[in-house]
Amino acid sequence: MTRFMGTHTNRLDRKGRVSVPAPFRAELTRLGTEEVVLRPSHRMACIEAWPLPAFEAMSGGLDNYDIFSDAQDDMAAALFADAWPMRPDGEGRIMLPEELIAHAGLGETIAFVGLGRIFQLWEPAAAKRRTDEARARARERGLTLPGVAARPGAAE
């Protein structure tokens, strides 16, 4: 399973380029891809970065809709209309389209936030608020993860 972890901060240059953090580039390499699909989150003011194989797997869910249905059209527009495939250059930088910069309210500094199978790009103060709020909601709801079942023959 893909594991983008941690929060890393990098600077956006005047040309709209930002370096993808080295641990995230290493994870992309481990996945056998350099390409990510950037898209505006339809839930929050941030940019989602999907490794190409994960984006293809997720968007494959469109096959569950009738091809000419409103639901299929709406989801296809939400997923693809503002999606930007990107490949880091030789220095690990990607170019952020102005539309995505505006959507996320990005300035000179960008927080890359790991979310396991994807990562997000945030304005740093907004990223901190988001993480703090998510942690508080998880605590309030008593959210936990299912335990790992003991494997036969494993020491207890």
N, C-alpha and C. Protein backbone atom coordinates (compact mmCIF):
# COMPACT_ATOMS: atom_id res chain seq x y z
N MET A 1 0.84 -1.18 0.00
CA MET A 1 0.00 0.00 0.00
C MET A 1 0.89 1.24 0.00
N THR A 2 0.44 2.25 -0.72
CA THR A 2 1.18 3.50 -0.80
C THR A 2 1.15 4.22 0.53
N ARG A 3 2.25 4.82 0.89
CA ARG A 3 2.33 5.53 2.16
C ARG A 3 3.02 6.88 2.00
N PHE A 4 2.24 7.89 1.67
CA PHE A 4 2.75 9.25 1.72
C PHE A 4 2.53 9.71 3.14
N MET A 5 3.62 10.04 3.85
CA MET A 5 3.53 10.38 5.27
C MET A 5 4.24 11.69 5.56
N GLY A 6 3.74 12.36 6.58
CA GLY A 6 4.38 13.58 7.06
C GLY A 6 3.86 14.82 6.39
N THR A 7 4.28 15.95 6.93
CA THR A 7 3.98 17.25 6.35
C THR A 7 5.32 17.92 6.05
N HIS A 8 5.48 18.34 4.81
CA HIS A 8 6.73 18.94 4.34
C HIS A 8 6.39 20.28 3.71
N THR A 9 7.24 21.26 3.91
CA THR A 9 6.99 22.60 3.38
C THR A 9 8.06 22.95 2.36
N ASN A 10 7.61 23.46 1.21
CA ASN A 10 8.51 23.92 0.17
C ASN A 10 8.00 25.24 -0.39
N ARG A 11 8.88 25.93 -1.10
CA ARG A 11 8.55 27.24 -1.66
C ARG A 11 8.11 27.14 -3.12
N LEU A 12 7.13 27.97 -3.44
CA LEU A 12 6.65 28.11 -4.82
C LEU A 12 7.48 29.21 -5.47
N ASP A 13 8.09 28.90 -6.61
CA ASP A 13 8.90 29.94 -7.26
C ASP A 13 8.04 30.83 -8.15
N ARG A 14 8.65 31.86 -8.71
CA ARG A 14 7.91 32.85 -9.52
C ARG A 14 7.29 32.25 -10.78
N LYS A 15 7.82 31.12 -11.22
CA LYS A 15 7.28 30.48 -12.42
C LYS A 15 6.16 29.50 -12.09
N GLY A 16 5.80 29.38 -10.80
CA GLY A 16 4.73 28.46 -10.41
C GLY A 16 5.19 27.04 -10.19
N ARG A 17 6.51 26.87 -9.96
CA ARG A 17 7.06 25.53 -9.73
C ARG A 17 7.33 25.33 -8.24
N VAL A 18 7.16 24.09 -7.80
CA VAL A 18 7.47 23.72 -6.43
C VAL A 18 8.08 22.33 -6.44
N SER A 19 9.04 22.10 -5.56
CA SER A 19 9.67 20.78 -5.47
C SER A 19 8.80 19.83 -4.67
N VAL A 20 8.56 18.67 -5.24
CA VAL A 20 7.87 17.60 -4.52
C VAL A 20 8.85 17.09 -3.48
N PRO A 21 8.44 16.96 -2.21
CA PRO A 21 9.38 16.50 -1.18
C PRO A 21 10.03 15.16 -1.56
N ALA A 22 11.31 15.03 -1.21
CA ALA A 22 12.07 13.82 -1.56
C ALA A 22 11.39 12.54 -1.08
N PRO A 23 10.83 12.48 0.15
CA PRO A 23 10.17 11.23 0.55
C PRO A 23 8.96 10.88 -0.34
N PHE A 24 8.27 11.90 -0.84
CA PHE A 24 7.13 11.64 -1.72
C PHE A 24 7.61 11.18 -3.09
N ARG A 25 8.70 11.77 -3.58
CA ARG A 25 9.26 11.31 -4.87
C ARG A 25 9.75 9.87 -4.73
N ALA A 26 10.35 9.54 -3.59
CA ALA A 26 10.81 8.16 -3.37
C ALA A 26 9.63 7.19 -3.37
N GLU A 27 8.52 7.60 -2.79
CA GLU A 27 7.33 6.73 -2.79
C GLU A 27 6.78 6.56 -4.20
N LEU A 28 6.79 7.61 -4.99
CA LEU A 28 6.36 7.49 -6.39
C LEU A 28 7.27 6.51 -7.14
N THR A 29 8.56 6.61 -6.90
CA THR A 29 9.51 5.68 -7.54
C THR A 29 9.20 4.26 -7.13
N ARG A 30 8.94 4.05 -5.83
CA ARG A 30 8.59 2.71 -5.33
C ARG A 30 7.35 2.18 -6.03
N LEU A 31 6.43 3.08 -6.38
CA LEU A 31 5.21 2.68 -7.08
C LEU A 31 5.44 2.45 -8.57
N GLY A 32 6.63 2.80 -9.07
CA GLY A 32 6.93 2.60 -10.48
C GLY A 32 6.38 3.70 -11.37
N THR A 33 6.16 4.88 -10.81
CA THR A 33 5.66 6.00 -11.60
C THR A 33 6.30 7.28 -11.12
N GLU A 34 6.38 8.25 -11.99
CA GLU A 34 6.78 9.60 -11.59
C GLU A 34 5.58 10.52 -11.68
N GLU A 35 4.57 10.10 -12.42
CA GLU A 35 3.45 10.97 -12.74
C GLU A 35 2.41 11.00 -11.63
N VAL A 36 1.95 12.23 -11.35
CA VAL A 36 0.84 12.43 -10.43
C VAL A 36 -0.24 13.19 -11.16
N VAL A 37 -1.47 13.03 -10.71
CA VAL A 37 -2.59 13.80 -11.24
C VAL A 37 -2.97 14.79 -10.15
N LEU A 38 -2.87 16.07 -10.49
CA LEU A 38 -3.28 17.13 -9.57
C LEU A 38 -4.70 17.52 -9.90
N ARG A 39 -5.51 17.68 -8.84
CA ARG A 39 -6.89 18.11 -9.04
C ARG A 39 -7.33 18.89 -7.82
N PRO A 40 -8.26 19.85 -8.03
CA PRO A 40 -8.77 20.57 -6.86
C PRO A 40 -9.65 19.63 -6.05
N SER A 41 -9.47 19.64 -4.74
CA SER A 41 -10.36 18.84 -3.90
C SER A 41 -11.76 19.42 -4.02
N HIS A 42 -12.76 18.56 -4.15
CA HIS A 42 -14.13 19.08 -4.19
C HIS A 42 -14.71 19.17 -2.79
N ARG A 43 -13.89 18.89 -1.77
CA ARG A 43 -14.34 18.99 -0.37
C ARG A 43 -13.63 20.09 0.40
N MET A 44 -12.39 20.42 0.03
CA MET A 44 -11.59 21.37 0.80
C MET A 44 -10.79 22.28 -0.13
N ALA A 45 -10.27 23.37 0.43
CA ALA A 45 -9.47 24.32 -0.34
C ALA A 45 -8.02 23.84 -0.38
N CYS A 46 -7.80 22.77 -1.12
CA CYS A 46 -6.45 22.23 -1.29
C CYS A 46 -6.38 21.53 -2.65
N ILE A 47 -5.19 21.10 -2.99
CA ILE A 47 -4.96 20.36 -4.23
C ILE A 47 -4.66 18.92 -3.83
N GLU A 48 -5.35 17.98 -4.48
CA GLU A 48 -5.05 16.57 -4.28
C GLU A 48 -4.01 16.14 -5.31
N ALA A 49 -3.06 15.32 -4.88
CA ALA A 49 -2.05 14.76 -5.78
C ALA A 49 -2.16 13.24 -5.71
N TRP A 50 -2.62 12.67 -6.81
CA TRP A 50 -2.83 11.22 -6.91
C TRP A 50 -1.74 10.61 -7.77
N PRO A 51 -1.02 9.60 -7.27
CA PRO A 51 -0.14 8.86 -8.18
C PRO A 51 -1.00 8.33 -9.33
N LEU A 52 -0.49 8.37 -10.54
CA LEU A 52 -1.29 7.99 -11.70
C LEU A 52 -2.00 6.65 -11.53
N PRO A 53 -1.33 5.58 -11.06
CA PRO A 53 -2.04 4.31 -10.91
C PRO A 53 -3.23 4.40 -9.92
N ALA A 54 -3.07 5.16 -8.85
CA ALA A 54 -4.16 5.31 -7.87
C ALA A 54 -5.30 6.12 -8.47
N PHE A 55 -4.98 7.15 -9.26
CA PHE A 55 -6.02 7.95 -9.91
C PHE A 55 -6.80 7.09 -10.90
N GLU A 56 -6.08 6.27 -11.66
CA GLU A 56 -6.75 5.40 -12.63
C GLU A 56 -7.65 4.39 -11.92
N ALA A 57 -7.19 3.83 -10.81
CA ALA A 57 -8.01 2.87 -10.05
C ALA A 57 -9.24 3.56 -9.48
N MET A 58 -9.07 4.74 -8.90
CA MET A 58 -10.20 5.47 -8.32
C MET A 58 -11.20 5.86 -9.40
N SER A 59 -10.72 6.41 -10.49
CA SER A 59 -11.64 6.88 -11.54
C SER A 59 -12.29 5.71 -12.27
N GLY A 60 -11.75 4.51 -12.13
CA GLY A 60 -12.39 3.33 -12.71
C GLY A 60 -13.77 3.08 -12.13
N GLY A 61 -14.05 3.66 -10.96
CA GLY A 61 -15.38 3.56 -10.37
C GLY A 61 -16.47 4.16 -11.24
N LEU A 62 -16.09 5.00 -12.20
CA LEU A 62 -17.08 5.57 -13.12
C LEU A 62 -17.77 4.47 -13.94
N ASP A 63 -17.09 3.34 -14.10
CA ASP A 63 -17.67 2.23 -14.86
C ASP A 63 -18.92 1.67 -14.18
N ASN A 64 -19.13 2.01 -12.91
CA ASN A 64 -20.32 1.52 -12.20
C ASN A 64 -21.57 2.34 -12.49
N TYR A 65 -21.41 3.45 -13.21
CA TYR A 65 -22.54 4.31 -13.57
C TYR A 65 -22.98 3.99 -15.00
N ASP A 66 -24.25 4.22 -15.29
CA ASP A 66 -24.71 4.14 -16.68
C ASP A 66 -23.97 5.21 -17.46
N ILE A 67 -23.47 4.83 -18.63
CA ILE A 67 -22.56 5.69 -19.38
C ILE A 67 -23.16 7.06 -19.72
N PHE A 68 -24.44 7.17 -19.94
CA PHE A 68 -25.04 8.45 -20.31
C PHE A 68 -25.86 9.05 -19.18
N SER A 69 -25.65 8.59 -17.97
CA SER A 69 -26.43 9.10 -16.84
C SER A 69 -25.89 10.44 -16.35
N ASP A 70 -26.75 11.20 -15.68
CA ASP A 70 -26.32 12.46 -15.07
C ASP A 70 -25.24 12.22 -14.02
N ALA A 71 -25.39 11.14 -13.26
CA ALA A 71 -24.41 10.83 -12.21
C ALA A 71 -23.03 10.58 -12.83
N GLN A 72 -22.98 9.83 -13.92
CA GLN A 72 -21.71 9.55 -14.58
C GLN A 72 -21.12 10.85 -15.14
N ASP A 73 -21.95 11.65 -15.78
CA ASP A 73 -21.47 12.92 -16.34
C ASP A 73 -20.93 13.84 -15.25
N ASP A 74 -21.66 13.94 -14.12
CA ASP A 74 -21.24 14.81 -13.03
C ASP A 74 -19.92 14.34 -12.43
N MET A 75 -19.80 13.05 -12.18
CA MET A 75 -18.57 12.54 -11.59
C MET A 75 -17.40 12.66 -12.57
N ALA A 76 -17.64 12.41 -13.84
CA ALA A 76 -16.57 12.54 -14.83
C ALA A 76 -16.08 13.99 -14.88
N ALA A 77 -17.01 14.94 -14.87
CA ALA A 77 -16.61 16.36 -14.88
C ALA A 77 -15.84 16.71 -13.61
N ALA A 78 -16.33 16.22 -12.45
CA ALA A 78 -15.66 16.52 -11.18
C ALA A 78 -14.26 15.93 -11.13
N LEU A 79 -14.05 14.77 -11.73
CA LEU A 79 -12.74 14.12 -11.69
C LEU A 79 -11.77 14.60 -12.76
N PHE A 80 -12.25 14.82 -13.97
CA PHE A 80 -11.35 15.04 -15.09
C PHE A 80 -11.24 16.46 -15.62
N ALA A 81 -12.29 17.27 -15.46
CA ALA A 81 -12.30 18.59 -16.09
C ALA A 81 -11.17 19.49 -15.59
N ASP A 82 -10.84 19.39 -14.32
CA ASP A 82 -9.80 20.24 -13.75
C ASP A 82 -8.59 19.43 -13.28
N ALA A 83 -8.40 18.25 -13.86
CA ALA A 83 -7.27 17.39 -13.49
C ALA A 83 -6.08 17.71 -14.39
N TRP A 84 -4.91 17.69 -13.78
CA TRP A 84 -3.68 18.03 -14.49
C TRP A 84 -2.63 16.94 -14.26
N PRO A 85 -2.33 16.11 -15.26
CA PRO A 85 -1.24 15.15 -15.09
C PRO A 85 0.09 15.90 -15.06
N MET A 86 0.94 15.54 -14.11
CA MET A 86 2.23 16.21 -13.94
C MET A 86 3.32 15.17 -13.73
N ARG A 87 4.49 15.49 -14.23
CA ARG A 87 5.67 14.66 -14.01
C ARG A 87 6.76 15.62 -13.50
N PRO A 88 7.34 15.34 -12.32
CA PRO A 88 8.41 16.22 -11.84
C PRO A 88 9.55 16.31 -12.85
N ASP A 89 10.14 17.51 -12.94
CA ASP A 89 11.30 17.68 -13.81
C ASP A 89 12.53 17.04 -13.17
N GLY A 90 13.68 17.20 -13.77
CA GLY A 90 14.90 16.60 -13.28
C GLY A 90 15.30 17.05 -11.89
N GLU A 91 14.77 18.18 -11.43
CA GLU A 91 15.07 18.69 -10.09
C GLU A 91 13.94 18.39 -9.11
N GLY A 92 12.96 17.58 -9.55
CA GLY A 92 11.87 17.19 -8.66
C GLY A 92 10.75 18.21 -8.55
N ARG A 93 10.71 19.18 -9.46
CA ARG A 93 9.70 20.23 -9.40
C ARG A 93 8.51 19.92 -10.30
N ILE A 94 7.34 20.37 -9.86
CA ILE A 94 6.15 20.32 -10.71
C ILE A 94 5.64 21.75 -10.89
N MET A 95 4.96 21.97 -12.00
CA MET A 95 4.37 23.27 -12.30
C MET A 95 2.93 23.25 -11.83
N LEU A 96 2.55 24.21 -10.99
CA LEU A 96 1.17 24.29 -10.51
C LEU A 96 0.39 25.26 -11.38
N PRO A 97 -0.70 24.79 -12.00
CA PRO A 97 -1.54 25.68 -12.79
C PRO A 97 -2.17 26.76 -11.91
N GLU A 98 -2.32 27.95 -12.47
CA GLU A 98 -2.90 29.08 -11.74
C GLU A 98 -4.26 28.75 -11.13
N GLU A 99 -5.07 27.97 -11.86
CA GLU A 99 -6.40 27.62 -11.35
C GLU A 99 -6.30 26.85 -10.04
N LEU A 100 -5.32 25.96 -9.95
CA LEU A 100 -5.16 25.17 -8.73
C LEU A 100 -4.57 26.02 -7.61
N ILE A 101 -3.64 26.89 -7.93
CA ILE A 101 -3.06 27.80 -6.93
C ILE A 101 -4.17 28.64 -6.32
N ALA A 102 -5.05 29.18 -7.17
CA ALA A 102 -6.16 30.01 -6.68
C ALA A 102 -7.13 29.19 -5.84
N HIS A 103 -7.47 27.99 -6.28
CA HIS A 103 -8.41 27.14 -5.53
C HIS A 103 -7.92 26.90 -4.11
N ALA A 104 -6.63 26.64 -3.95
CA ALA A 104 -6.07 26.31 -2.65
C ALA A 104 -5.60 27.55 -1.87
N GLY A 105 -5.68 28.72 -2.48
CA GLY A 105 -5.23 29.94 -1.80
C GLY A 105 -3.75 29.90 -1.46
N LEU A 106 -2.94 29.37 -2.37
CA LEU A 106 -1.52 29.19 -2.10
C LEU A 106 -0.74 30.49 -2.30
N GLY A 107 0.29 30.65 -1.48
CA GLY A 107 1.21 31.77 -1.59
C GLY A 107 2.60 31.25 -1.87
N GLU A 108 3.61 31.87 -1.27
CA GLU A 108 5.00 31.49 -1.52
C GLU A 108 5.38 30.15 -0.91
N THR A 109 4.70 29.75 0.16
CA THR A 109 5.04 28.51 0.85
C THR A 109 3.89 27.52 0.73
N ILE A 110 4.22 26.27 0.47
CA ILE A 110 3.22 25.22 0.29
C ILE A 110 3.51 24.08 1.24
N ALA A 111 2.47 23.60 1.92
CA ALA A 111 2.60 22.43 2.78
C ALA A 111 2.13 21.21 1.99
N PHE A 112 2.99 20.21 1.90
CA PHE A 112 2.64 18.92 1.31
C PHE A 112 2.25 18.02 2.47
N VAL A 113 1.03 17.53 2.45
CA VAL A 113 0.49 16.73 3.56
C VAL A 113 0.25 15.31 3.07
N GLY A 114 0.93 14.35 3.68
CA GLY A 114 0.76 12.95 3.31
C GLY A 114 -0.53 12.39 3.88
N LEU A 115 -1.25 11.65 3.06
CA LEU A 115 -2.51 11.02 3.48
C LEU A 115 -2.52 9.54 3.13
N GLY A 116 -1.38 8.90 3.18
CA GLY A 116 -1.34 7.48 2.86
C GLY A 116 -1.24 7.25 1.37
N ARG A 117 -2.35 7.04 0.71
CA ARG A 117 -2.29 6.71 -0.73
C ARG A 117 -2.17 7.93 -1.63
N ILE A 118 -2.48 9.13 -1.10
CA ILE A 118 -2.32 10.37 -1.87
C ILE A 118 -1.65 11.40 -0.97
N PHE A 119 -1.34 12.57 -1.55
CA PHE A 119 -0.93 13.69 -0.74
C PHE A 119 -1.67 14.93 -1.21
N GLN A 120 -1.68 15.94 -0.36
CA GLN A 120 -2.37 17.19 -0.67
C GLN A 120 -1.41 18.35 -0.56
N LEU A 121 -1.72 19.43 -1.28
CA LEU A 121 -0.96 20.66 -1.22
C LEU A 121 -1.86 21.73 -0.61
N TRP A 122 -1.38 22.38 0.43
CA TRP A 122 -2.15 23.33 1.22
C TRP A 122 -1.37 24.62 1.45
N GLU A 123 -2.09 25.68 1.76
CA GLU A 123 -1.50 26.86 2.37
C GLU A 123 -1.14 26.39 3.78
N PRO A 124 0.08 26.63 4.28
CA PRO A 124 0.54 26.02 5.52
C PRO A 124 -0.37 26.22 6.75
N ALA A 125 -0.87 27.42 6.99
CA ALA A 125 -1.73 27.63 8.16
C ALA A 125 -3.04 26.85 8.02
N ALA A 126 -3.57 26.78 6.80
CA ALA A 126 -4.79 26.01 6.56
C ALA A 126 -4.53 24.52 6.76
N ALA A 127 -3.35 24.04 6.37
CA ALA A 127 -3.00 22.63 6.58
C ALA A 127 -2.95 22.31 8.06
N LYS A 128 -2.36 23.18 8.84
CA LYS A 128 -2.28 22.96 10.29
C LYS A 128 -3.67 22.92 10.91
N ARG A 129 -4.54 23.86 10.51
CA ARG A 129 -5.93 23.86 11.02
C ARG A 129 -6.63 22.57 10.64
N ARG A 130 -6.47 22.15 9.40
CA ARG A 130 -7.13 20.93 8.92
C ARG A 130 -6.68 19.72 9.72
N THR A 131 -5.38 19.59 9.92
CA THR A 131 -4.86 18.45 10.68
C THR A 131 -5.34 18.49 12.12
N ASP A 132 -5.30 19.66 12.74
CA ASP A 132 -5.76 19.79 14.13
C ASP A 132 -7.25 19.44 14.24
N GLU A 133 -8.06 19.94 13.29
CA GLU A 133 -9.51 19.66 13.31
C GLU A 133 -9.78 18.17 13.09
N ALA A 134 -9.06 17.54 12.17
CA ALA A 134 -9.25 16.11 11.91
C ALA A 134 -8.90 15.29 13.14
N ARG A 135 -7.80 15.65 13.79
CA ARG A 135 -7.39 14.94 15.00
C ARG A 135 -8.44 15.10 16.10
N ALA A 136 -8.97 16.30 16.26
CA ALA A 136 -9.99 16.56 17.28
C ALA A 136 -11.28 15.78 16.98
N ARG A 137 -11.71 15.78 15.71
CA ARG A 137 -12.92 15.02 15.36
C ARG A 137 -12.73 13.53 15.57
N ALA A 138 -11.57 13.01 15.23
CA ALA A 138 -11.30 11.58 15.43
C ALA A 138 -11.37 11.26 16.93
N ARG A 139 -10.82 12.14 17.74
CA ARG A 139 -10.84 11.92 19.19
C ARG A 139 -12.27 12.01 19.72
N GLU A 140 -13.03 13.03 19.30
CA GLU A 140 -14.42 13.21 19.75
C GLU A 140 -15.30 12.03 19.36
N ARG A 141 -15.08 11.49 18.19
CA ARG A 141 -15.88 10.37 17.70
C ARG A 141 -15.38 9.03 18.22
N GLY A 142 -14.24 9.04 18.88
CA GLY A 142 -13.66 7.79 19.36
C GLY A 142 -13.24 6.87 18.23
N LEU A 143 -12.81 7.46 17.12
CA LEU A 143 -12.43 6.66 15.95
C LEU A 143 -11.17 5.87 16.23
N THR A 144 -11.18 4.64 15.81
CA THR A 144 -10.01 3.77 15.88
C THR A 144 -9.94 2.96 14.61
N LEU A 145 -8.85 2.28 14.41
CA LEU A 145 -8.71 1.38 13.28
C LEU A 145 -8.93 -0.04 13.77
N PRO A 146 -9.44 -0.89 12.89
CA PRO A 146 -9.59 -2.30 13.30
C PRO A 146 -8.23 -2.88 13.65
N GLY A 147 -8.22 -3.75 14.64
CA GLY A 147 -6.98 -4.42 15.03
C GLY A 147 -6.54 -5.39 13.97
N VAL A 148 -5.28 -5.69 13.99
CA VAL A 148 -4.72 -6.68 13.06
C VAL A 148 -4.93 -8.04 13.70
N ALA A 149 -5.60 -8.91 12.98
CA ALA A 149 -5.85 -10.26 13.50
C ALA A 149 -4.53 -11.00 13.64
N ALA A 150 -4.43 -11.75 14.71
CA ALA A 150 -3.20 -12.52 14.92
C ALA A 150 -3.08 -13.58 13.83
N ARG A 151 -1.89 -13.70 13.31
CA ARG A 151 -1.63 -14.71 12.28
C ARG A 151 -1.41 -16.06 12.98
N PRO A 152 -1.89 -17.11 12.35
CA PRO A 152 -1.63 -18.43 12.93
C PRO A 152 -0.12 -18.62 13.11
N GLY A 153 0.25 -19.08 14.29
CA GLY A 153 1.65 -19.36 14.58
C GLY A 153 2.42 -18.14 15.06
N ALA A 154 1.78 -16.95 15.04
CA ALA A 154 2.49 -15.75 15.50
C ALA A 154 2.52 -15.74 17.02
N ALA A 155 3.61 -15.25 17.57
CA ALA A 155 3.75 -15.17 19.03
C ALA A 155 2.78 -14.12 19.56
N GLU A 156 2.19 -14.41 20.70
CA GLU A 156 1.25 -13.46 21.28
C GLU A 156 1.85 -12.75 22.45
